[in-house]
Amino acid sequence: MSAEKKVPSERLVTLIGKPDCHLCEDAQGVVEKVCGDLGVPWEKKDITQDPELHREYWEQIPVVLVDGAQHTFWRVHEERLRRALTT
């Protein structure tokens, strides 16, 4: 039996980045658009405020997690994120 598909409001997108990061700002624009269109909640985490996140992701920011699993890093592609949240 396959896993039950989650509805958008049950998903969570996490954007991990840091201040003054142009790639992080670009990624946030994509996350805001896609999550806003689909009704998916999202959160933003700052690696400069969390030693564990810094240790894990400092070379990859921005990083996008979908439901806690790494989806992408550096560049966020709108259509790829949209597919991940709707399939």
N, C-alpha and C. Protein backbone atom coordinates (compact mmCIF):
# COMPACT_ATOMS: atom_id res chain seq x y z
N MET A 1 0.85 -1.18 0.00
CA MET A 1 0.00 0.00 0.00
C MET A 1 0.89 1.24 0.00
N SER A 2 0.59 2.24 -0.83
CA SER A 2 1.41 3.44 -0.92
C SER A 2 1.07 4.40 0.22
N ALA A 3 2.01 5.28 0.50
CA ALA A 3 1.79 6.28 1.55
C ALA A 3 0.68 7.24 1.13
N GLU A 4 -0.08 7.67 2.10
CA GLU A 4 -1.17 8.60 1.83
C GLU A 4 -0.59 9.97 1.51
N LYS A 5 -1.12 10.60 0.48
CA LYS A 5 -0.66 11.92 0.07
C LYS A 5 -1.12 12.97 1.08
N LYS A 6 -0.19 13.85 1.49
CA LYS A 6 -0.52 14.91 2.43
C LYS A 6 -1.16 16.08 1.69
N VAL A 7 -2.11 16.71 2.35
CA VAL A 7 -2.69 17.93 1.78
C VAL A 7 -1.71 19.07 2.07
N PRO A 8 -1.75 20.14 1.26
CA PRO A 8 -0.77 21.22 1.42
C PRO A 8 -0.66 21.78 2.84
N SER A 9 -1.78 21.93 3.53
CA SER A 9 -1.73 22.51 4.86
C SER A 9 -1.05 21.60 5.89
N GLU A 10 -0.84 20.35 5.54
CA GLU A 10 -0.15 19.40 6.42
C GLU A 10 1.35 19.34 6.13
N ARG A 11 1.79 20.04 5.11
CA ARG A 11 3.20 20.05 4.73
C ARG A 11 3.90 21.16 5.51
N LEU A 12 5.24 21.16 5.50
CA LEU A 12 6.01 22.26 6.08
C LEU A 12 7.29 22.43 5.28
N VAL A 13 7.50 23.65 4.83
CA VAL A 13 8.74 24.00 4.14
C VAL A 13 9.58 24.83 5.10
N THR A 14 10.85 24.47 5.21
CA THR A 14 11.79 25.20 6.06
C THR A 14 12.89 25.76 5.18
N LEU A 15 13.10 27.06 5.26
CA LEU A 15 14.18 27.74 4.55
C LEU A 15 15.29 28.04 5.56
N ILE A 16 16.47 27.49 5.32
CA ILE A 16 17.62 27.71 6.20
C ILE A 16 18.60 28.61 5.48
N GLY A 17 18.93 29.72 6.12
CA GLY A 17 19.84 30.68 5.49
C GLY A 17 20.51 31.53 6.55
N LYS A 18 20.96 32.71 6.11
CA LYS A 18 21.59 33.66 7.02
C LYS A 18 21.33 35.07 6.50
N PRO A 19 21.50 36.06 7.36
CA PRO A 19 21.29 37.45 6.94
C PRO A 19 22.29 37.86 5.86
N ASP A 20 21.90 38.83 5.06
CA ASP A 20 22.77 39.42 4.02
C ASP A 20 23.29 38.39 3.03
N CYS A 21 22.43 37.47 2.65
CA CYS A 21 22.78 36.41 1.69
C CYS A 21 21.83 36.56 0.50
N HIS A 22 22.37 36.98 -0.66
CA HIS A 22 21.48 37.22 -1.80
C HIS A 22 20.81 35.95 -2.30
N LEU A 23 21.49 34.82 -2.23
CA LEU A 23 20.85 33.56 -2.64
C LEU A 23 19.71 33.21 -1.69
N CYS A 24 19.89 33.52 -0.40
CA CYS A 24 18.83 33.25 0.58
C CYS A 24 17.61 34.12 0.30
N GLU A 25 17.84 35.37 -0.08
CA GLU A 25 16.74 36.27 -0.42
C GLU A 25 16.01 35.77 -1.66
N ASP A 26 16.76 35.32 -2.66
CA ASP A 26 16.14 34.76 -3.87
C ASP A 26 15.31 33.53 -3.52
N ALA A 27 15.88 32.66 -2.68
CA ALA A 27 15.18 31.44 -2.28
C ALA A 27 13.91 31.77 -1.52
N GLN A 28 13.97 32.77 -0.66
CA GLN A 28 12.79 33.15 0.11
C GLN A 28 11.67 33.62 -0.81
N GLY A 29 12.01 34.34 -1.87
CA GLY A 29 11.00 34.79 -2.82
C GLY A 29 10.28 33.61 -3.46
N VAL A 30 11.03 32.58 -3.83
CA VAL A 30 10.43 31.40 -4.45
C VAL A 30 9.58 30.65 -3.43
N VAL A 31 10.10 30.45 -2.22
CA VAL A 31 9.36 29.74 -1.17
C VAL A 31 8.07 30.47 -0.84
N GLU A 32 8.15 31.79 -0.68
CA GLU A 32 6.94 32.57 -0.38
C GLU A 32 5.89 32.43 -1.47
N LYS A 33 6.33 32.48 -2.72
CA LYS A 33 5.38 32.39 -3.85
C LYS A 33 4.73 31.02 -3.90
N VAL A 34 5.54 29.97 -3.91
CA VAL A 34 5.01 28.61 -4.05
C VAL A 34 4.14 28.25 -2.84
N CYS A 35 4.63 28.51 -1.65
CA CYS A 35 3.86 28.16 -0.44
C CYS A 35 2.59 29.00 -0.37
N GLY A 36 2.66 30.26 -0.75
CA GLY A 36 1.48 31.10 -0.77
C GLY A 36 0.44 30.60 -1.76
N ASP A 37 0.90 30.22 -2.95
CA ASP A 37 -0.01 29.71 -3.98
C ASP A 37 -0.71 28.43 -3.52
N LEU A 38 0.04 27.56 -2.83
CA LEU A 38 -0.47 26.24 -2.47
C LEU A 38 -1.07 26.17 -1.07
N GLY A 39 -0.90 27.20 -0.27
CA GLY A 39 -1.40 27.16 1.11
C GLY A 39 -0.55 26.29 2.02
N VAL A 40 0.74 26.22 1.73
CA VAL A 40 1.66 25.41 2.53
C VAL A 40 2.36 26.32 3.55
N PRO A 41 2.34 25.96 4.82
CA PRO A 41 3.07 26.75 5.82
C PRO A 41 4.58 26.64 5.60
N TRP A 42 5.28 27.72 5.94
CA TRP A 42 6.74 27.67 5.83
C TRP A 42 7.35 28.46 6.97
N GLU A 43 8.61 28.16 7.25
CA GLU A 43 9.34 28.83 8.32
C GLU A 43 10.74 29.14 7.83
N LYS A 44 11.37 30.09 8.48
CA LYS A 44 12.72 30.52 8.13
C LYS A 44 13.61 30.32 9.34
N LYS A 45 14.77 29.71 9.14
CA LYS A 45 15.73 29.50 10.23
C LYS A 45 17.07 30.11 9.83
N ASP A 46 17.73 30.72 10.80
CA ASP A 46 18.98 31.43 10.60
C ASP A 46 20.13 30.59 11.15
N ILE A 47 21.09 30.20 10.29
CA ILE A 47 22.19 29.36 10.76
C ILE A 47 23.10 30.10 11.75
N THR A 48 23.07 31.43 11.73
CA THR A 48 23.91 32.17 12.67
C THR A 48 23.35 32.12 14.09
N GLN A 49 22.12 31.68 14.23
CA GLN A 49 21.47 31.59 15.54
C GLN A 49 21.36 30.15 16.05
N ASP A 50 21.82 29.18 15.27
CA ASP A 50 21.65 27.77 15.63
C ASP A 50 22.93 27.00 15.28
N PRO A 51 23.76 26.68 16.27
CA PRO A 51 25.03 25.99 16.00
C PRO A 51 24.87 24.66 15.27
N GLU A 52 23.82 23.93 15.57
CA GLU A 52 23.62 22.64 14.90
C GLU A 52 23.32 22.83 13.41
N LEU A 53 22.43 23.77 13.09
CA LEU A 53 22.14 24.06 11.68
C LEU A 53 23.38 24.59 10.97
N HIS A 54 24.15 25.43 11.66
CA HIS A 54 25.37 25.98 11.06
C HIS A 54 26.34 24.85 10.72
N ARG A 55 26.53 23.94 11.66
CA ARG A 55 27.45 22.82 11.45
C ARG A 55 27.00 21.95 10.27
N GLU A 56 25.71 21.72 10.16
CA GLU A 56 25.19 20.82 9.13
C GLU A 56 25.11 21.46 7.74
N TYR A 57 24.76 22.75 7.67
CA TYR A 57 24.41 23.34 6.38
C TYR A 57 25.25 24.53 5.94
N TRP A 58 26.27 24.97 6.67
CA TRP A 58 26.92 26.24 6.37
C TRP A 58 27.49 26.32 4.95
N GLU A 59 27.87 25.21 4.34
CA GLU A 59 28.41 25.25 2.98
C GLU A 59 27.32 25.18 1.92
N GLN A 60 26.07 24.97 2.30
CA GLN A 60 25.01 24.73 1.33
C GLN A 60 23.94 25.82 1.29
N ILE A 61 23.97 26.79 2.18
CA ILE A 61 22.85 27.73 2.25
C ILE A 61 22.67 28.51 0.96
N PRO A 62 21.44 28.83 0.65
CA PRO A 62 20.23 28.46 1.35
C PRO A 62 19.88 26.99 1.13
N VAL A 63 19.26 26.42 2.13
CA VAL A 63 18.80 25.03 2.08
C VAL A 63 17.29 25.05 2.29
N VAL A 64 16.59 24.23 1.51
CA VAL A 64 15.14 24.10 1.68
C VAL A 64 14.83 22.67 2.08
N LEU A 65 14.09 22.54 3.18
CA LEU A 65 13.61 21.25 3.64
C LEU A 65 12.11 21.17 3.37
N VAL A 66 11.66 20.01 2.97
CA VAL A 66 10.23 19.76 2.84
C VAL A 66 9.90 18.65 3.82
N ASP A 67 9.05 18.96 4.77
CA ASP A 67 8.68 18.01 5.83
C ASP A 67 9.91 17.44 6.52
N GLY A 68 10.91 18.30 6.73
CA GLY A 68 12.11 17.91 7.47
C GLY A 68 13.20 17.24 6.66
N ALA A 69 12.93 16.92 5.40
CA ALA A 69 13.93 16.27 4.55
C ALA A 69 14.49 17.29 3.55
N GLN A 70 15.80 17.23 3.32
CA GLN A 70 16.40 18.20 2.41
C GLN A 70 15.84 18.05 1.00
N HIS A 71 15.35 19.16 0.48
CA HIS A 71 14.79 19.21 -0.87
C HIS A 71 15.83 19.73 -1.86
N THR A 72 16.49 20.84 -1.50
CA THR A 72 17.47 21.45 -2.39
C THR A 72 18.37 22.37 -1.60
N PHE A 73 19.42 22.87 -2.27
CA PHE A 73 20.27 23.89 -1.68
C PHE A 73 20.80 24.79 -2.79
N TRP A 74 21.33 25.94 -2.42
CA TRP A 74 21.83 27.02 -3.27
C TRP A 74 20.74 27.68 -4.10
N ARG A 75 20.15 26.99 -5.04
CA ARG A 75 19.11 27.57 -5.90
C ARG A 75 17.80 26.79 -5.74
N VAL A 76 16.73 27.53 -5.57
CA VAL A 76 15.42 26.91 -5.43
C VAL A 76 14.66 27.11 -6.74
N HIS A 77 14.24 26.02 -7.35
CA HIS A 77 13.50 26.08 -8.61
C HIS A 77 12.01 25.96 -8.31
N GLU A 78 11.28 26.97 -8.76
CA GLU A 78 9.86 27.06 -8.44
C GLU A 78 9.08 25.81 -8.82
N GLU A 79 9.22 25.34 -10.04
CA GLU A 79 8.44 24.19 -10.49
C GLU A 79 8.81 22.91 -9.75
N ARG A 80 10.09 22.74 -9.44
CA ARG A 80 10.52 21.54 -8.70
C ARG A 80 9.93 21.55 -7.29
N LEU A 81 9.94 22.71 -6.62
CA LEU A 81 9.37 22.80 -5.29
C LEU A 81 7.85 22.58 -5.35
N ARG A 82 7.22 23.16 -6.33
CA ARG A 82 5.76 22.99 -6.50
C ARG A 82 5.42 21.52 -6.67
N ARG A 83 6.19 20.80 -7.50
CA ARG A 83 5.95 19.35 -7.71
C ARG A 83 6.14 18.57 -6.41
N ALA A 84 7.18 18.91 -5.67
CA ALA A 84 7.45 18.20 -4.42
C ALA A 84 6.31 18.36 -3.42
N LEU A 85 5.63 19.49 -3.48
CA LEU A 85 4.56 19.77 -2.53
C LEU A 85 3.19 19.28 -2.99
N THR A 86 3.09 18.86 -4.24
CA THR A 86 1.77 18.47 -4.77
C THR A 86 1.73 17.02 -5.23
N THR A 87 2.83 16.30 -5.12
CA THR A 87 2.82 14.89 -5.53
C THR A 87 3.08 13.98 -4.36
